[in-house]
């Protein structure tokens, strides 16, 4: 089982994320290289949120507390849901 972190973003996320994006991506790489984050990416066209798949709920919750997008008000809401994969990954 995995745990999915869902983000809802502010409407102007693409403009506002630029100063924080390098740190956000570095944090994601840190979790990925440690084997705690399996995949991640933006959701929607235009982008309105993100989905990040973690190996455990603690990693997802910790990521939220450290993420510059959250700390700088770019995330309007988030939730962590268990994901029971049936096929793939």
PDB file of N, CA and C in Angstrom:
ATOM      1  N   UNK A   1       0.844  -1.180   0.000  1.00  0.00           N
ATOM      2  CA  UNK A   1       0.000   0.000   0.000  1.00  0.00           C
ATOM      3  C   UNK A   1       0.890   1.244   0.000  1.00  0.00           C
ATOM      4  N   UNK A   2       0.401   2.267  -0.673  1.00  0.00           N
ATOM      5  CA  UNK A   2       1.066   3.565  -0.711  1.00  0.00           C
ATOM      6  C   UNK A   2       0.159   4.604  -0.071  1.00  0.00           C
ATOM      7  N   UNK A   3       0.686   5.803   0.088  1.00  0.00           N
ATOM      8  CA  UNK A   3      -0.104   6.911   0.632  1.00  0.00           C
ATOM      9  C   UNK A   3       0.068   8.110  -0.285  1.00  0.00           C
ATOM     10  N   UNK A   4      -1.055   8.636  -0.752  1.00  0.00           N
ATOM     11  CA  UNK A   4      -1.040   9.721  -1.727  1.00  0.00           C
ATOM     12  C   UNK A   4      -1.322  11.042  -1.026  1.00  0.00           C
ATOM     13  N   UNK A   5      -0.439  11.993  -1.276  1.00  0.00           N
ATOM     14  CA  UNK A   5      -0.620  13.357  -0.800  1.00  0.00           C
ATOM     15  C   UNK A   5      -1.210  14.160  -1.947  1.00  0.00           C
ATOM     16  N   UNK A   6      -2.392  14.698  -1.734  1.00  0.00           N
ATOM     17  CA  UNK A   6      -3.050  15.551  -2.717  1.00  0.00           C
ATOM     18  C   UNK A   6      -2.937  16.999  -2.262  1.00  0.00           C
ATOM     19  N   UNK A   7      -2.537  17.877  -3.181  1.00  0.00           N
ATOM     20  CA  UNK A   7      -2.485  19.315  -2.930  1.00  0.00           C
ATOM     21  C   UNK A   7      -3.518  20.021  -3.797  1.00  0.00           C
ATOM     22  N   UNK A   8      -4.138  21.051  -3.244  1.00  0.00           N
ATOM     23  CA  UNK A   8      -4.891  22.037  -4.017  1.00  0.00           C
ATOM     24  C   UNK A   8      -4.058  23.307  -3.990  1.00  0.00           C
ATOM     25  N   UNK A   9      -3.866  23.908  -5.163  1.00  0.00           N
ATOM     26  CA  UNK A   9      -3.023  25.099  -5.282  1.00  0.00           C
ATOM     27  C   UNK A   9      -3.837  26.380  -5.408  1.00  0.00           C
ATOM     28  N   UNK A  10      -3.179  27.487  -5.139  1.00  0.00           N
ATOM     29  CA  UNK A  10      -3.751  28.809  -5.404  1.00  0.00           C
ATOM     30  C   UNK A  10      -3.944  28.935  -6.918  1.00  0.00           C
ATOM     31  N   UNK A  11      -4.904  29.772  -7.361  1.00  0.00           N
ATOM     32  CA  UNK A  11      -5.171  29.886  -8.802  1.00  0.00           C
ATOM     33  C   UNK A  11      -3.966  30.323  -9.638  1.00  0.00           C
ATOM     34  N   UNK A  12      -3.101  31.150  -9.102  1.00  0.00           N
ATOM     35  CA  UNK A  12      -1.955  31.651  -9.869  1.00  0.00           C
ATOM     36  C   UNK A  12      -0.654  30.921  -9.503  1.00  0.00           C
ATOM     37  N   UNK A  13      -0.756  29.621  -9.299  1.00  0.00           N
ATOM     38  CA  UNK A  13       0.388  28.820  -8.865  1.00  0.00           C
ATOM     39  C   UNK A  13       1.584  28.932  -9.807  1.00  0.00           C
ATOM     40  N   UNK A  14       1.357  28.929 -11.111  1.00  0.00           N
ATOM     41  CA  UNK A  14       2.481  28.932 -12.049  1.00  0.00           C
ATOM     42  C   UNK A  14       3.332  30.189 -11.923  1.00  0.00           C
ATOM     43  N   UNK A  15       2.711  31.315 -11.632  1.00  0.00           N
ATOM     44  CA  UNK A  15       3.461  32.554 -11.453  1.00  0.00           C
ATOM     45  C   UNK A  15       4.124  32.615 -10.078  1.00  0.00           C
ATOM     46  N   UNK A  16       3.419  32.163  -9.056  1.00  0.00           N
ATOM     47  CA  UNK A  16       3.892  32.321  -7.679  1.00  0.00           C
ATOM     48  C   UNK A  16       4.902  31.266  -7.237  1.00  0.00           C
ATOM     49  N   UNK A  17       4.958  30.145  -7.930  1.00  0.00           N
ATOM     50  CA  UNK A  17       5.836  29.058  -7.478  1.00  0.00           C
ATOM     51  C   UNK A  17       7.305  29.275  -7.813  1.00  0.00           C
ATOM     52  N   UNK A  18       7.593  30.091  -8.812  1.00  0.00           N
ATOM     53  CA  UNK A  18       8.959  30.200  -9.332  1.00  0.00           C
ATOM     54  C   UNK A  18      10.038  30.403  -8.267  1.00  0.00           C
ATOM     55  N   UNK A  19       9.888  31.337  -7.304  1.00  0.00           N
ATOM     56  CA  UNK A  19      10.970  31.509  -6.331  1.00  0.00           C
ATOM     57  C   UNK A  19      11.158  30.306  -5.403  1.00  0.00           C
ATOM     58  N   UNK A  20      10.137  29.464  -5.284  1.00  0.00           N
ATOM     59  CA  UNK A  20      10.165  28.345  -4.336  1.00  0.00           C
ATOM     60  C   UNK A  20      10.376  26.994  -5.014  1.00  0.00           C
ATOM     61  N   UNK A  21      10.280  26.971  -6.343  1.00  0.00           N
ATOM     62  CA  UNK A  21      10.317  25.702  -7.069  1.00  0.00           C
ATOM     63  C   UNK A  21      11.629  24.933  -6.894  1.00  0.00           C
ATOM     64  N   UNK A  22      12.800  25.560  -6.979  1.00  0.00           N
ATOM     65  CA  UNK A  22      14.033  24.779  -6.799  1.00  0.00           C
ATOM     66  C   UNK A  22      14.102  24.064  -5.445  1.00  0.00           C
ATOM     67  N   UNK A  23      13.682  24.726  -4.387  1.00  0.00           N
ATOM     68  CA  UNK A  23      13.708  24.114  -3.056  1.00  0.00           C
ATOM     69  C   UNK A  23      12.656  23.018  -2.943  1.00  0.00           C
ATOM     70  N   UNK A  24      11.482  23.251  -3.519  1.00  0.00           N
ATOM     71  CA  UNK A  24      10.411  22.245  -3.534  1.00  0.00           C
ATOM     72  C   UNK A  24      10.889  20.987  -4.260  1.00  0.00           C
ATOM     73  N   UNK A  25      11.491  21.157  -5.436  1.00  0.00           N
ATOM     74  CA  UNK A  25      11.963  20.007  -6.205  1.00  0.00           C
ATOM     75  C   UNK A  25      13.128  19.306  -5.513  1.00  0.00           C
ATOM     76  N   UNK A  26      13.996  20.048  -4.861  1.00  0.00           N
ATOM     77  CA  UNK A  26      15.102  19.436  -4.111  1.00  0.00           C
ATOM     78  C   UNK A  26      14.567  18.579  -2.966  1.00  0.00           C
ATOM     79  N   UNK A  27      13.532  19.059  -2.305  1.00  0.00           N
ATOM     80  CA  UNK A  27      12.914  18.286  -1.226  1.00  0.00           C
ATOM     81  C   UNK A  27      12.303  17.001  -1.781  1.00  0.00           C
ATOM     82  N   UNK A  28      11.610  17.102  -2.901  1.00  0.00           N
ATOM     83  CA  UNK A  28      11.025  15.915  -3.527  1.00  0.00           C
ATOM     84  C   UNK A  28      12.120  14.922  -3.917  1.00  0.00           C
ATOM     85  N   UNK A  29      13.215  15.409  -4.479  1.00  0.00           N
ATOM     86  CA  UNK A  29      14.331  14.524  -4.840  1.00  0.00           C
ATOM     87  C   UNK A  29      14.916  13.839  -3.606  1.00  0.00           C
ATOM     88  N   UNK A  30      15.023  14.576  -2.509  1.00  0.00           N
ATOM     89  CA  UNK A  30      15.535  14.001  -1.257  1.00  0.00           C
ATOM     90  C   UNK A  30      14.689  12.802  -0.827  1.00  0.00           C
ATOM     91  N   UNK A  31      13.375  12.961  -0.851  1.00  0.00           N
ATOM     92  CA  UNK A  31      12.481  11.876  -0.451  1.00  0.00           C
ATOM     93  C   UNK A  31      12.517  10.731  -1.464  1.00  0.00           C
ATOM     94  N   UNK A  32      12.624  11.062  -2.743  1.00  0.00           N
ATOM     95  CA  UNK A  32      12.681  10.029  -3.779  1.00  0.00           C
ATOM     96  C   UNK A  32      13.965   9.212  -3.650  1.00  0.00           C
ATOM     97  N   UNK A  33      15.089   9.886  -3.489  1.00  0.00           N
ATOM     98  CA  UNK A  33      16.370   9.186  -3.371  1.00  0.00           C
ATOM     99  C   UNK A  33      16.444   8.330  -2.112  1.00  0.00           C
ATOM    100  N   UNK A  34      15.703   8.713  -1.078  1.00  0.00           N
ATOM    101  CA  UNK A  34      15.646   7.928   0.161  1.00  0.00           C
ATOM    102  C   UNK A  34      14.650   6.775   0.057  1.00  0.00           C
ATOM    103  N   UNK A  35      13.948   6.675  -1.081  1.00  0.00           N
ATOM    104  CA  UNK A  35      12.978   5.606  -1.273  1.00  0.00           C
ATOM    105  C   UNK A  35      11.641   5.854  -0.606  1.00  0.00           C
ATOM    106  N   UNK A  36      11.387   7.075  -0.177  1.00  0.00           N
ATOM    107  CA  UNK A  36      10.146   7.401   0.535  1.00  0.00           C
ATOM    108  C   UNK A  36       9.069   7.985  -0.377  1.00  0.00           C
ATOM    109  N   UNK A  37       9.466   8.538  -1.515  1.00  0.00           N
ATOM    110  CA  UNK A  37       8.551   9.120  -2.498  1.00  0.00           C
ATOM    111  C   UNK A  37       8.728   8.361  -3.802  1.00  0.00           C
ATOM    112  N   UNK A  38       7.641   7.782  -4.309  1.00  0.00           N
ATOM    113  CA  UNK A  38       7.732   6.961  -5.516  1.00  0.00           C
ATOM    114  C   UNK A  38       7.539   7.761  -6.790  1.00  0.00           C
ATOM    115  N   UNK A  39       6.560   8.666  -6.808  1.00  0.00           N
ATOM    116  CA  UNK A  39       6.328   9.505  -7.973  1.00  0.00           C
ATOM    117  C   UNK A  39       5.540  10.722  -7.555  1.00  0.00           C
ATOM    118  N   UNK A  40       5.622  11.766  -8.382  1.00  0.00           N
ATOM    119  CA  UNK A  40       4.960  13.021  -8.034  1.00  0.00           C
ATOM    120  C   UNK A  40       4.792  13.867  -9.285  1.00  0.00           C
ATOM    121  N   UNK A  41       3.800  14.753  -9.250  1.00  0.00           N
ATOM    122  CA  UNK A  41       3.622  15.670 -10.360  1.00  0.00           C
ATOM    123  C   UNK A  41       2.401  16.540 -10.193  1.00  0.00           C
ATOM    124  N   UNK A  42       2.348  17.558 -11.046  1.00  0.00           N
ATOM    125  CA  UNK A  42       1.224  18.494 -11.042  1.00  0.00           C
ATOM    126  C   UNK A  42      -0.007  17.835 -11.658  1.00  0.00           C
ATOM    127  N   UNK A  43      -1.177  18.349 -11.290  1.00  0.00           N
ATOM    128  CA  UNK A  43      -2.450  17.821 -11.766  1.00  0.00           C
ATOM    129  C   UNK A  43      -3.241  18.945 -12.416  1.00  0.00           C
ATOM    130  N   UNK A  44      -3.846  18.636 -13.552  1.00  0.00           N
ATOM    131  CA  UNK A  44      -4.761  19.571 -14.195  1.00  0.00           C
ATOM    132  C   UNK A  44      -4.149  20.337 -15.343  1.00  0.00           C
ATOM    133  N   UNK A  45      -5.033  20.849 -16.183  1.00  0.00           N
ATOM    134  CA  UNK A  45      -4.652  21.697 -17.313  1.00  0.00           C
ATOM    135  C   UNK A  45      -5.710  22.771 -17.444  1.00  0.00           C
ATOM    136  N   UNK A  46      -5.514  23.923 -16.859  1.00  0.00           N
ATOM    137  CA  UNK A  46      -4.286  24.378 -16.213  1.00  0.00           C
ATOM    138  C   UNK A  46      -4.057  23.699 -14.858  1.00  0.00           C
ATOM    139  N   UNK A  47      -2.832  23.784 -14.398  1.00  0.00           N
ATOM    140  CA  UNK A  47      -2.442  23.164 -13.127  1.00  0.00           C
ATOM    141  C   UNK A  47      -3.264  23.753 -11.985  1.00  0.00           C
ATOM    142  N   UNK A  48      -3.851  22.859 -11.183  1.00  0.00           N
ATOM    143  CA  UNK A  48      -4.628  23.298 -10.017  1.00  0.00           C
ATOM    144  C   UNK A  48      -4.270  22.528  -8.752  1.00  0.00           C
ATOM    145  N   UNK A  49      -3.346  21.565  -8.879  1.00  0.00           N
ATOM    146  CA  UNK A  49      -2.965  20.785  -7.716  1.00  0.00           C
ATOM    147  C   UNK A  49      -1.804  19.869  -8.029  1.00  0.00           C
ATOM    148  N   UNK A  50      -1.547  18.943  -7.108  1.00  0.00           N
ATOM    149  CA  UNK A  50      -0.464  17.979  -7.289  1.00  0.00           C
ATOM    150  C   UNK A  50      -0.825  16.682  -6.591  1.00  0.00           C
ATOM    151  N   UNK A  51      -0.136  15.615  -7.009  1.00  0.00           N
ATOM    152  CA  UNK A  51      -0.305  14.306  -6.414  1.00  0.00           C
ATOM    153  C   UNK A  51       1.087  13.729  -6.187  1.00  0.00           C
ATOM    154  N   UNK A  52       1.361  13.317  -4.960  1.00  0.00           N
ATOM    155  CA  UNK A  52       2.657  12.746  -4.602  1.00  0.00           C
ATOM    156  C   UNK A  52       2.406  11.409  -3.916  1.00  0.00           C
ATOM    157  N   UNK A  53       3.068  10.363  -4.372  1.00  0.00           N
ATOM    158  CA  UNK A  53       2.845   9.015  -3.854  1.00  0.00           C
ATOM    159  C   UNK A  53       4.010   8.618  -2.946  1.00  0.00           C
ATOM    160  N   UNK A  54       3.701   8.425  -1.681  1.00  0.00           N
ATOM    161  CA  UNK A  54       4.696   8.085  -0.661  1.00  0.00           C
ATOM    162  C   UNK A  54       4.555   6.633  -0.229  1.00  0.00           C
ATOM    163  N   UNK A  55       5.619   6.102   0.349  1.00  0.00           N
ATOM    164  CA  UNK A  55       5.613   4.725   0.826  1.00  0.00           C
ATOM    165  C   UNK A  55       4.935   4.569   2.182  1.00  0.00           C
ATOM    166  N   UNK A  56       4.794   5.663   2.927  1.00  0.00           N
ATOM    167  CA  UNK A  56       4.155   5.585   4.240  1.00  0.00           C
ATOM    168  C   UNK A  56       3.536   6.943   4.587  1.00  0.00           C
ATOM    169  N   UNK A  57       2.533   6.945   5.456  1.00  0.00           N
ATOM    170  CA  UNK A  57       1.845   8.200   5.774  1.00  0.00           C
ATOM    171  C   UNK A  57       2.714   9.191   6.540  1.00  0.00           C
ATOM    172  N   UNK A  58       3.662   8.684   7.318  1.00  0.00           N
ATOM    173  CA  UNK A  58       4.541   9.579   8.079  1.00  0.00           C
ATOM    174  C   UNK A  58       5.415  10.423   7.149  1.00  0.00           C
ATOM    175  N   UNK A  59       5.912   9.813   6.091  1.00  0.00           N
ATOM    176  CA  UNK A  59       6.724  10.558   5.124  1.00  0.00           C
ATOM    177  C   UNK A  59       5.905  11.644   4.448  1.00  0.00           C
ATOM    178  N   UNK A  60       4.672  11.329   4.093  1.00  0.00           N
ATOM    179  CA  UNK A  60       3.801  12.320   3.457  1.00  0.00           C
ATOM    180  C   UNK A  60       3.534  13.489   4.399  1.00  0.00           C
ATOM    181  N   UNK A  61       3.222  13.192   5.648  1.00  0.00           N
ATOM    182  CA  UNK A  61       2.934  14.246   6.628  1.00  0.00           C
ATOM    183  C   UNK A  61       4.170  15.106   6.896  1.00  0.00           C
ATOM    184  N   UNK A  62       5.321  14.477   6.981  1.00  0.00           N
ATOM    185  CA  UNK A  62       6.568  15.210   7.201  1.00  0.00           C
ATOM    186  C   UNK A  62       6.881  16.116   6.010  1.00  0.00           C
ATOM    187  N   UNK A  63       6.651  15.613   4.801  1.00  0.00           N
ATOM    188  CA  UNK A  63       6.893  16.400   3.594  1.00  0.00           C
ATOM    189  C   UNK A  63       6.072  17.687   3.622  1.00  0.00           C
ATOM    190  N   UNK A  64       4.807  17.580   3.996  1.00  0.00           N
ATOM    191  CA  UNK A  64       3.932  18.757   4.071  1.00  0.00           C
ATOM    192  C   UNK A  64       4.535  19.809   4.998  1.00  0.00           C
ATOM    193  N   UNK A  65       5.043  19.385   6.131  1.00  0.00           N
ATOM    194  CA  UNK A  65       5.606  20.323   7.109  1.00  0.00           C
ATOM    195  C   UNK A  65       6.870  21.019   6.612  1.00  0.00           C
ATOM    196  N   UNK A  66       7.544  20.416   5.646  1.00  0.00           N
ATOM    197  CA  UNK A  66       8.811  20.958   5.137  1.00  0.00           C
ATOM    198  C   UNK A  66       8.695  21.639   3.778  1.00  0.00           C
ATOM    199  N   UNK A  67       7.597  21.427   3.083  1.00  0.00           N
ATOM    200  CA  UNK A  67       7.462  21.883   1.696  1.00  0.00           C
ATOM    201  C   UNK A  67       7.347  23.405   1.598  1.00  0.00           C
ATOM    202  N   UNK A  68       8.235  24.051   0.833  1.00  0.00           N
ATOM    203  CA  UNK A  68       8.150  25.509   0.682  1.00  0.00           C
ATOM    204  C   UNK A  68       6.852  25.978   0.026  1.00  0.00           C
ATOM    205  N   UNK A  69       6.214  25.143  -0.769  1.00  0.00           N
ATOM    206  CA  UNK A  69       4.917  25.529  -1.344  1.00  0.00           C
ATOM    207  C   UNK A  69       3.883  25.698  -0.231  1.00  0.00           C
ATOM    208  N   UNK A  70       3.901  24.808   0.737  1.00  0.00           N
ATOM    209  CA  UNK A  70       2.983  24.911   1.878  1.00  0.00           C
ATOM    210  C   UNK A  70       3.384  26.093   2.756  1.00  0.00           C
ATOM    211  N   UNK A  71       4.652  26.182   3.077  1.00  0.00           N
ATOM    212  CA  UNK A  71       5.145  27.215   3.992  1.00  0.00           C
ATOM    213  C   UNK A  71       4.945  28.626   3.458  1.00  0.00           C
ATOM    214  N   UNK A  72       4.835  28.767   2.138  1.00  0.00           N
ATOM    215  CA  UNK A  72       4.675  30.084   1.523  1.00  0.00           C
ATOM    216  C   UNK A  72       3.275  30.330   0.974  1.00  0.00           C
ATOM    217  N   UNK A  73       2.299  29.534   1.412  1.00  0.00           N
ATOM    218  CA  UNK A  73       0.903  29.798   1.097  1.00  0.00           C
ATOM    219  C   UNK A  73       0.450  29.449  -0.305  1.00  0.00           C
ATOM    220  N   UNK A  74       1.169  28.582  -1.013  1.00  0.00           N
ATOM    221  CA  UNK A  74       0.770  28.196  -2.363  1.00  0.00           C
ATOM    222  C   UNK A  74      -0.202  27.023  -2.370  1.00  0.00           C
ATOM    223  N   UNK A  75      -0.273  26.313  -1.264  1.00  0.00           N
ATOM    224  CA  UNK A  75      -1.182  25.173  -1.119  1.00  0.00           C
ATOM    225  C   UNK A  75      -2.363  25.621  -0.275  1.00  0.00           C
ATOM    226  N   UNK A  76      -3.563  25.517  -0.836  1.00  0.00           N
ATOM    227  CA  UNK A  76      -4.760  25.949  -0.112  1.00  0.00           C
ATOM    228  C   UNK A  76      -5.369  24.834   0.729  1.00  0.00           C
ATOM    229  N   UNK A  77      -5.100  23.591   0.345  1.00  0.00           N
ATOM    230  CA  UNK A  77      -5.607  22.440   1.097  1.00  0.00           C
ATOM    231  C   UNK A  77      -4.771  21.225   0.719  1.00  0.00           C
ATOM    232  N   UNK A  78      -4.712  20.272   1.632  1.00  0.00           N
ATOM    233  CA  UNK A  78      -4.047  19.012   1.322  1.00  0.00           C
ATOM    234  C   UNK A  78      -4.728  17.892   2.093  1.00  0.00           C
ATOM    235  N   UNK A  79      -4.529  16.679   1.592  1.00  0.00           N
ATOM    236  CA  UNK A  79      -5.013  15.500   2.306  1.00  0.00           C
ATOM    237  C   UNK A  79      -4.113  14.324   1.943  1.00  0.00           C
ATOM    238  N   UNK A  80      -4.050  13.378   2.850  1.00  0.00           N
ATOM    239  CA  UNK A  80      -3.267  12.164   2.643  1.00  0.00           C
ATOM    240  C   UNK A  80      -4.235  10.993   2.681  1.00  0.00           C
ATOM    241  N   UNK A  81      -4.207  10.189   1.615  1.00  0.00           N
ATOM    242  CA  UNK A  81      -5.129   9.058   1.482  1.00  0.00           C
ATOM    243  C   UNK A  81      -4.340   7.773   1.242  1.00  0.00           C
ATOM    244  N   UNK A  82      -4.758   6.652   1.850  1.00  0.00           N
ATOM    245  CA  UNK A  82      -4.137   5.374   1.507  1.00  0.00           C
ATOM    246  C   UNK A  82      -4.539   4.975   0.083  1.00  0.00           C
ATOM    247  N   UNK A  83      -3.615   4.341  -0.612  1.00  0.00           N
ATOM    248  CA  UNK A  83      -3.866   3.920  -1.988  1.00  0.00           C
ATOM    249  C   UNK A  83      -3.527   2.447  -2.101  1.00  0.00           C
ATOM    250  N   UNK A  84      -4.507   1.655  -2.403  1.00  0.00           N
ATOM    251  CA  UNK A  84      -4.349   0.212  -2.543  1.00  0.00           C
ATOM    252  C   UNK A  84      -4.157  -0.096  -4.025  1.00  0.00           C
ATOM    253  N   UNK A  85      -2.916  -0.242  -4.439  1.00  0.00           N
ATOM    254  CA  UNK A  85      -2.606  -0.480  -5.846  1.00  0.00           C
ATOM    255  C   UNK A  85      -2.995  -1.910  -6.207  1.00  0.00           C
ATOM    256  N   UNK A  86      -3.712  -2.050  -7.309  1.00  0.00           N
ATOM    257  CA  UNK A  86      -4.128  -3.364  -7.784  1.00  0.00           C
ATOM    258  C   UNK A  86      -3.244  -3.823  -8.943  1.00  0.00           C
ATOM    259  N   UNK A  87      -2.937  -2.910  -9.859  1.00  0.00           N
ATOM    260  CA  UNK A  87      -2.108  -3.234 -11.022  1.00  0.00           C
ATOM    261  C   UNK A  87      -1.075  -2.136 -11.211  1.00  0.00           C
ATOM    262  N   UNK A  88       0.165  -2.523 -11.462  1.00  0.00           N
ATOM    263  CA  UNK A  88       1.207  -1.568 -11.806  1.00  0.00           C
ATOM    264  C   UNK A  88       2.020  -1.094 -10.627  1.00  0.00           C
ATOM    265  N   UNK A  89       2.901  -0.162 -10.959  1.00  0.00           N
ATOM    266  CA  UNK A  89       3.842   0.448 -10.033  1.00  0.00           C
ATOM    267  C   UNK A  89       4.689  -0.636  -9.471  1.00  0.00           C
TER     268      UNK A  89
END
